[in-house]
Amino acid sequence: MAESVPILVGVDGSPSSDEAVRWAAATAERRHAPLHIVAAAFVQGRAGVPIGLPPAYLEEQEPERRRLLSEAAALAENAASAGALTISTELVPGNPSRVLVELSSAAQMVVVGSRGRGEITGGLVGSVSTAVAAHADCPVAVIREQSADRATVGDTVVVGVDGTPNSEPAIEEAFIEASLRGVDLTAVHAWSDVSLSALRPHEPTFHWPTIREREEAVLSESLGGFADDYPEVTVRNVVVKDRPVDSLVELAAKAQLVVVGSRGRGGFARILLGSTSRALLHRTTCPTLIVRN
């Protein structure tokens, strides 16, 4: 973990953005990393400016965004328990999601709120957070309103493990977070990614006790090397038949954080955000960390 590499948080003044700042400040403090707060502003004449924006709106962007940065920095200072957090701010011209993706290559984590100001999505995840989670070069934490206080609620970090090398970056991040928080790690592995309700239990190929024993071995092997590196973290293994997202959502309800890879087993490289990670972004209230694989 490179301590000098910053935690990057994008702000827009929305309630979930404020929660993202608090969460990012606590995370940066735990990781002994600087916190870099970024706001993006649309500028007349640049690509990416939404069609139909009046000139007056664009003229107001810079002072408004600078005010947001100042308020976010104060929020981060208040959230830092030891008061020793290094905080910097930056106003960057351009589309918010594009700005954060471009800056992600120089960050150890990008933190965003689940919905931006003005996004009416019925409680679902907004366009900026989805785009950043899909395209960033580093792990992306998506924070919902009223979820930043989950840093001290619950006694576990939950991680999804698919039994392939795709899971390894997420497993490593989950162990880091569990170790820094001083909590247990719950590792969830599913035999199948799809519902098996149509499969008859008496079919010769389906003998769950045998399958479960085999999949428990797969999960233990996936965790083995990381568990040796973090002996202070107590690990609870959970093996389920199908649809890992259902178990992850259930366990996340009592967790501080849920961690998954951006793509699961069998995911095509061109699919930047897999079905499980997309579903978690929409279904959990717990902070969700998407780790590129």
Protein backbone atom coordinates (compact mmCIF):
# COMPACT_ATOMS: atom_id res chain seq x y z
CA MET A 1 0.00 0.00 0.00
CA ALA A 2 1.67 3.21 -1.24
CA GLU A 3 1.10 5.72 1.54
CA SER A 4 1.96 8.79 -0.58
CA VAL A 5 -0.60 7.90 -3.27
CA PRO A 6 -3.81 9.81 -2.50
CA ILE A 7 -7.36 8.77 -1.92
CA LEU A 8 -9.35 10.74 -4.51
CA VAL A 9 -12.93 11.85 -3.85
CA GLY A 10 -15.22 13.60 -6.32
CA VAL A 11 -17.67 16.20 -4.99
CA ASP A 12 -20.73 17.94 -6.37
CA GLY A 13 -22.57 19.15 -3.27
CA SER A 14 -25.14 16.36 -3.18
CA PRO A 15 -25.95 14.53 0.09
CA SER A 16 -24.24 11.35 -1.10
CA SER A 17 -21.21 13.43 -2.13
CA ASP A 18 -20.95 14.73 1.45
CA GLU A 19 -21.10 11.15 2.73
CA ALA A 20 -18.40 10.20 0.22
CA VAL A 21 -16.12 12.95 1.60
CA ARG A 22 -16.57 11.72 5.18
CA TRP A 23 -15.94 8.11 4.14
CA ALA A 24 -12.93 9.05 2.04
CA ALA A 25 -11.42 11.09 4.88
CA ALA A 26 -11.73 8.17 7.29
CA THR A 27 -10.26 5.79 4.70
CA ALA A 28 -7.33 8.09 3.93
CA GLU A 29 -6.62 8.45 7.64
CA ARG A 30 -6.62 4.68 8.17
CA ARG A 31 -4.30 4.20 5.19
CA HIS A 32 -2.01 7.10 6.18
CA ALA A 33 -2.65 8.56 2.73
CA PRO A 34 -3.34 12.13 1.62
CA LEU A 35 -6.88 13.03 0.57
CA HIS A 36 -7.38 14.81 -2.75
CA ILE A 37 -10.80 16.41 -3.28
CA VAL A 38 -11.81 17.11 -6.87
CA ALA A 39 -14.69 19.02 -8.43
CA ALA A 40 -15.30 19.18 -12.17
CA ALA A 41 -16.68 22.23 -13.96
CA PHE A 42 -18.11 22.48 -17.45
CA VAL A 43 -16.34 25.15 -19.49
CA GLN A 44 -17.74 26.81 -22.60
CA GLY A 45 -16.05 25.59 -25.74
CA ARG A 46 -14.79 22.32 -24.28
CA ALA A 47 -15.99 18.90 -25.32
CA GLY A 48 -18.50 17.24 -23.03
CA VAL A 49 -20.59 20.28 -22.17
CA PRO A 50 -24.27 19.21 -22.13
CA ILE A 51 -26.29 20.65 -25.01
CA GLY A 52 -28.57 23.53 -24.09
CA LEU A 53 -26.76 24.85 -21.02
CA PRO A 54 -27.15 28.65 -20.92
CA PRO A 55 -23.96 30.78 -20.80
CA ALA A 56 -24.93 32.07 -17.35
CA TYR A 57 -24.81 28.53 -15.98
CA LEU A 58 -21.31 27.97 -17.31
CA GLU A 59 -20.12 31.32 -15.92
CA GLU A 60 -21.34 30.34 -12.45
CA GLN A 61 -19.62 26.95 -12.54
CA GLU A 62 -16.16 28.00 -11.33
CA PRO A 63 -17.12 30.04 -8.22
CA GLU A 64 -19.78 27.48 -7.28
CA ARG A 65 -17.36 24.57 -7.58
CA ARG A 66 -14.67 26.40 -5.60
CA ARG A 67 -17.19 26.95 -2.83
CA LEU A 68 -18.03 23.23 -2.89
CA LEU A 69 -14.34 22.35 -2.64
CA SER A 70 -13.89 24.62 0.36
CA GLU A 71 -16.90 23.13 2.11
CA ALA A 72 -15.76 19.59 1.31
CA ALA A 73 -12.30 20.26 2.74
CA ALA A 74 -13.86 21.52 5.98
CA LEU A 75 -16.08 18.42 6.07
CA ALA A 76 -13.04 16.17 5.63
CA GLU A 77 -11.13 17.95 8.40
CA ASN A 78 -14.03 17.41 10.78
CA ALA A 79 -14.27 13.74 9.80
CA ALA A 80 -10.59 13.05 10.48
CA SER A 81 -10.41 11.81 14.05
CA ALA A 82 -6.73 12.57 14.65
CA GLY A 83 -6.72 15.90 12.80
CA ALA A 84 -3.50 15.00 10.95
CA LEU A 85 -5.00 14.32 7.51
CA THR A 86 -3.30 16.02 4.54
CA ILE A 87 -6.02 17.50 2.33
CA SER A 88 -5.72 19.08 -1.11
CA THR A 89 -8.39 20.34 -3.50
CA GLU A 90 -8.54 20.78 -7.26
CA LEU A 91 -11.01 22.24 -9.74
CA VAL A 92 -10.72 20.50 -13.10
CA PRO A 93 -12.51 21.59 -16.29
CA GLY A 94 -14.51 18.85 -17.95
CA ASN A 95 -17.14 16.17 -17.57
CA PRO A 96 -17.15 14.81 -13.97
CA SER A 97 -16.90 11.11 -14.83
CA ARG A 98 -14.19 11.72 -17.43
CA VAL A 99 -12.18 13.86 -15.00
CA LEU A 100 -12.30 11.25 -12.24
CA VAL A 101 -11.39 8.41 -14.60
CA GLU A 102 -8.42 10.37 -15.95
CA LEU A 103 -7.17 11.15 -12.43
CA SER A 104 -7.71 7.58 -11.20
CA SER A 105 -4.38 6.38 -12.61
CA ALA A 106 -2.59 8.45 -9.95
CA ALA A 107 -4.84 7.42 -7.02
CA GLN A 108 -5.00 4.34 -4.82
CA MET A 109 -8.79 4.65 -4.61
CA VAL A 110 -11.54 6.85 -6.05
CA VAL A 111 -14.55 7.60 -3.83
CA VAL A 112 -17.85 8.88 -5.24
CA GLY A 113 -21.38 9.39 -4.01
CA SER A 114 -24.00 7.07 -5.40
CA ARG A 115 -26.08 9.86 -6.96
CA GLY A 116 -25.15 13.33 -8.06
CA ARG A 117 -27.06 16.51 -7.41
CA GLY A 118 -30.18 16.64 -9.55
CA GLU A 119 -30.13 12.97 -10.56
CA ILE A 120 -33.61 11.49 -10.24
CA THR A 121 -33.06 7.75 -10.30
CA GLY A 122 -35.50 6.36 -7.79
CA GLY A 123 -32.72 5.61 -5.32
CA LEU A 124 -30.55 3.84 -7.90
CA VAL A 125 -26.93 4.59 -8.66
CA GLY A 126 -26.28 7.63 -10.85
CA SER A 127 -24.49 7.98 -14.17
CA VAL A 128 -21.20 9.40 -12.85
CA SER A 129 -20.64 6.73 -10.20
CA THR A 130 -21.51 3.95 -12.65
CA ALA A 131 -19.14 5.30 -15.30
CA VAL A 132 -16.29 5.79 -12.84
CA ALA A 133 -16.76 2.30 -11.36
CA ALA A 134 -16.61 0.83 -14.87
CA HIS A 135 -13.62 2.73 -16.23
CA ALA A 136 -11.32 3.82 -13.38
CA ASP A 137 -7.79 2.41 -13.16
CA CYS A 138 -7.99 1.90 -9.39
CA PRO A 139 -10.61 0.60 -6.91
CA VAL A 140 -13.78 2.70 -6.74
CA ALA A 141 -15.86 3.09 -3.58
CA VAL A 142 -19.50 4.09 -4.10
CA ILE A 143 -21.12 5.65 -1.05
CA ARG A 144 -24.85 6.14 -0.50
CA GLU A 145 -26.45 8.82 1.62
CA GLN A 146 -26.24 8.03 5.32
CA SER A 147 -23.80 5.16 4.73
CA ALA A 148 -20.50 6.79 5.70
CA ASP A 149 -21.20 6.09 9.37
CA ARG A 150 -21.09 2.39 8.49
CA ALA A 151 -17.34 2.69 9.07
CA THR A 152 -18.10 1.92 12.70
CA VAL A 153 -21.26 -0.19 12.28
CA GLY A 154 -21.07 -3.94 11.86
CA ASP A 155 -18.20 -6.28 12.61
CA THR A 156 -17.12 -7.47 9.17
CA VAL A 157 -15.98 -6.66 5.67
CA VAL A 158 -17.67 -8.82 3.02
CA VAL A 159 -15.91 -9.95 -0.16
CA GLY A 160 -17.18 -11.86 -3.16
CA VAL A 161 -14.88 -14.68 -4.32
CA ASP A 162 -15.51 -16.48 -7.62
CA GLY A 163 -12.66 -18.98 -7.37
CA THR A 164 -10.68 -17.57 -10.32
CA PRO A 165 -7.74 -15.15 -10.51
CA ASN A 166 -10.34 -12.44 -11.27
CA SER A 167 -11.12 -12.32 -7.55
CA GLU A 168 -7.58 -11.81 -6.32
CA PRO A 169 -7.43 -7.97 -6.47
CA ALA A 170 -10.75 -7.74 -4.60
CA ILE A 171 -9.63 -10.29 -2.00
CA GLU A 172 -6.44 -8.33 -1.34
CA GLU A 173 -8.33 -5.05 -0.91
CA ALA A 174 -10.83 -6.74 1.39
CA PHE A 175 -8.06 -8.10 3.62
CA ILE A 176 -6.44 -4.65 3.74
CA GLU A 177 -9.72 -3.02 4.77
CA ALA A 178 -10.55 -5.68 7.35
CA SER A 179 -7.06 -5.41 8.83
CA LEU A 180 -7.13 -1.60 9.01
CA ARG A 181 -10.61 -1.59 10.54
CA GLY A 182 -9.85 -4.38 13.01
CA VAL A 183 -12.85 -6.48 11.93
CA ASP A 184 -13.49 -9.95 10.56
CA LEU A 185 -13.66 -10.81 6.86
CA THR A 186 -16.63 -12.71 5.44
CA ALA A 187 -15.78 -14.39 2.12
CA VAL A 188 -18.72 -15.44 -0.06
CA HIS A 189 -18.41 -17.97 -2.86
CA ALA A 190 -21.22 -19.32 -5.04
CA TRP A 191 -21.12 -22.51 -7.08
CA SER A 192 -23.23 -20.92 -9.81
CA ASP A 193 -23.83 -17.32 -10.86
CA VAL A 194 -27.38 -18.07 -12.00
CA SER A 195 -30.47 -19.35 -10.23
CA LEU A 196 -30.63 -23.15 -9.94
CA SER A 197 -34.30 -23.28 -8.97
CA ALA A 198 -35.14 -25.18 -12.17
CA LEU A 199 -32.56 -27.90 -11.44
CA ARG A 200 -34.03 -30.98 -9.79
CA PRO A 201 -32.16 -31.80 -6.60
CA HIS A 202 -32.26 -35.54 -7.33
CA GLU A 203 -30.43 -35.26 -10.67
CA PRO A 204 -27.14 -37.20 -10.65
CA THR A 205 -25.08 -34.08 -11.31
CA PHE A 206 -26.57 -32.25 -8.35
CA HIS A 207 -25.54 -33.60 -4.97
CA TRP A 208 -25.15 -30.49 -2.87
CA PRO A 209 -23.08 -31.96 0.01
CA THR A 210 -20.48 -33.13 -2.49
CA ILE A 211 -20.56 -29.88 -4.42
CA ARG A 212 -20.34 -27.81 -1.26
CA GLU A 213 -17.28 -29.72 -0.04
CA ARG A 214 -15.57 -29.13 -3.38
CA GLU A 215 -16.46 -25.43 -3.46
CA GLU A 216 -15.32 -24.93 0.14
CA ALA A 217 -11.92 -26.20 -0.97
CA VAL A 218 -11.96 -23.75 -3.89
CA LEU A 219 -12.75 -20.86 -1.56
CA SER A 220 -10.07 -21.84 0.97
CA GLU A 221 -7.48 -22.08 -1.80
CA SER A 222 -8.46 -18.64 -3.13
CA LEU A 223 -7.99 -17.09 0.31
CA GLY A 224 -4.96 -19.05 1.45
CA GLY A 225 -2.07 -16.79 0.45
CA PHE A 226 -3.83 -13.63 1.56
CA ALA A 227 -4.82 -15.15 4.91
CA ASP A 228 -1.14 -15.91 5.55
CA ASP A 229 -0.27 -12.26 4.88
CA TYR A 230 -2.96 -10.99 7.27
CA PRO A 231 -2.97 -13.46 10.20
CA GLU A 232 -4.72 -10.91 12.42
CA VAL A 233 -7.87 -11.08 10.27
CA THR A 234 -10.41 -13.74 11.24
CA VAL A 235 -12.05 -15.16 8.11
CA ARG A 236 -15.52 -16.64 7.87
CA ASN A 237 -16.14 -18.72 4.73
CA VAL A 238 -19.63 -18.79 3.20
CA VAL A 239 -20.43 -21.13 0.30
CA VAL A 240 -23.83 -20.88 -1.41
CA LYS A 241 -25.45 -22.71 -4.29
CA ASP A 242 -26.22 -19.87 -6.64
CA ARG A 243 -26.73 -16.13 -7.22
CA PRO A 244 -23.87 -14.71 -5.12
CA VAL A 245 -25.41 -11.24 -5.26
CA ASP A 246 -28.33 -12.30 -3.04
CA SER A 247 -25.99 -13.53 -0.31
CA LEU A 248 -23.72 -10.51 -0.67
CA VAL A 249 -26.66 -8.11 -0.31
CA GLU A 250 -27.94 -9.96 2.77
CA LEU A 251 -24.54 -9.97 4.47
CA ALA A 252 -23.80 -6.39 3.46
CA ALA A 253 -26.78 -5.23 5.51
CA LYS A 254 -24.69 -5.80 8.64
CA ALA A 255 -21.25 -5.04 7.20
CA GLN A 256 -19.00 -2.01 7.16
CA LEU A 257 -18.05 -2.58 3.52
CA VAL A 258 -18.66 -5.01 0.66
CA VAL A 259 -15.86 -5.64 -1.87
CA VAL A 260 -16.20 -7.25 -5.30
CA GLY A 261 -14.28 -7.45 -8.54
CA SER A 262 -15.45 -5.46 -11.52
CA ARG A 263 -16.00 -8.65 -13.55
CA GLY A 264 -16.77 -12.18 -12.40
CA ARG A 265 -15.68 -15.54 -13.76
CA GLY A 266 -16.29 -15.84 -17.47
CA GLY A 267 -16.65 -12.08 -17.81
CA PHE A 268 -15.52 -10.74 -21.16
CA ALA A 269 -12.80 -8.09 -21.11
CA ARG A 270 -15.04 -5.72 -23.04
CA ILE A 271 -17.66 -5.94 -20.26
CA LEU A 272 -16.19 -3.44 -17.85
CA LEU A 273 -18.72 -3.93 -15.06
CA GLY A 274 -20.15 -7.40 -14.43
CA SER A 275 -23.66 -8.34 -13.38
CA THR A 276 -22.83 -8.90 -9.70
CA SER A 277 -21.00 -5.61 -9.23
CA ARG A 278 -23.75 -3.71 -11.08
CA ALA A 279 -26.46 -5.33 -8.96
CA LEU A 280 -24.63 -4.56 -5.71
CA LEU A 281 -24.32 -0.89 -6.62
CA HIS A 282 -28.09 -0.73 -6.95
CA ARG A 283 -29.16 -3.00 -4.10
CA THR A 284 -26.90 -2.36 -1.11
CA THR A 285 -26.94 0.54 1.34
CA CYS A 286 -23.49 -0.49 2.55
CA PRO A 287 -20.45 1.24 1.00
CA THR A 288 -19.39 -0.83 -2.02
CA LEU A 289 -15.81 -1.14 -3.26
CA ILE A 290 -15.42 -2.20 -6.90
CA VAL A 291 -11.92 -3.48 -7.66
CA ARG A 292 -10.72 -3.61 -11.28
CA ASN A 293 -9.69 -7.06 -12.48
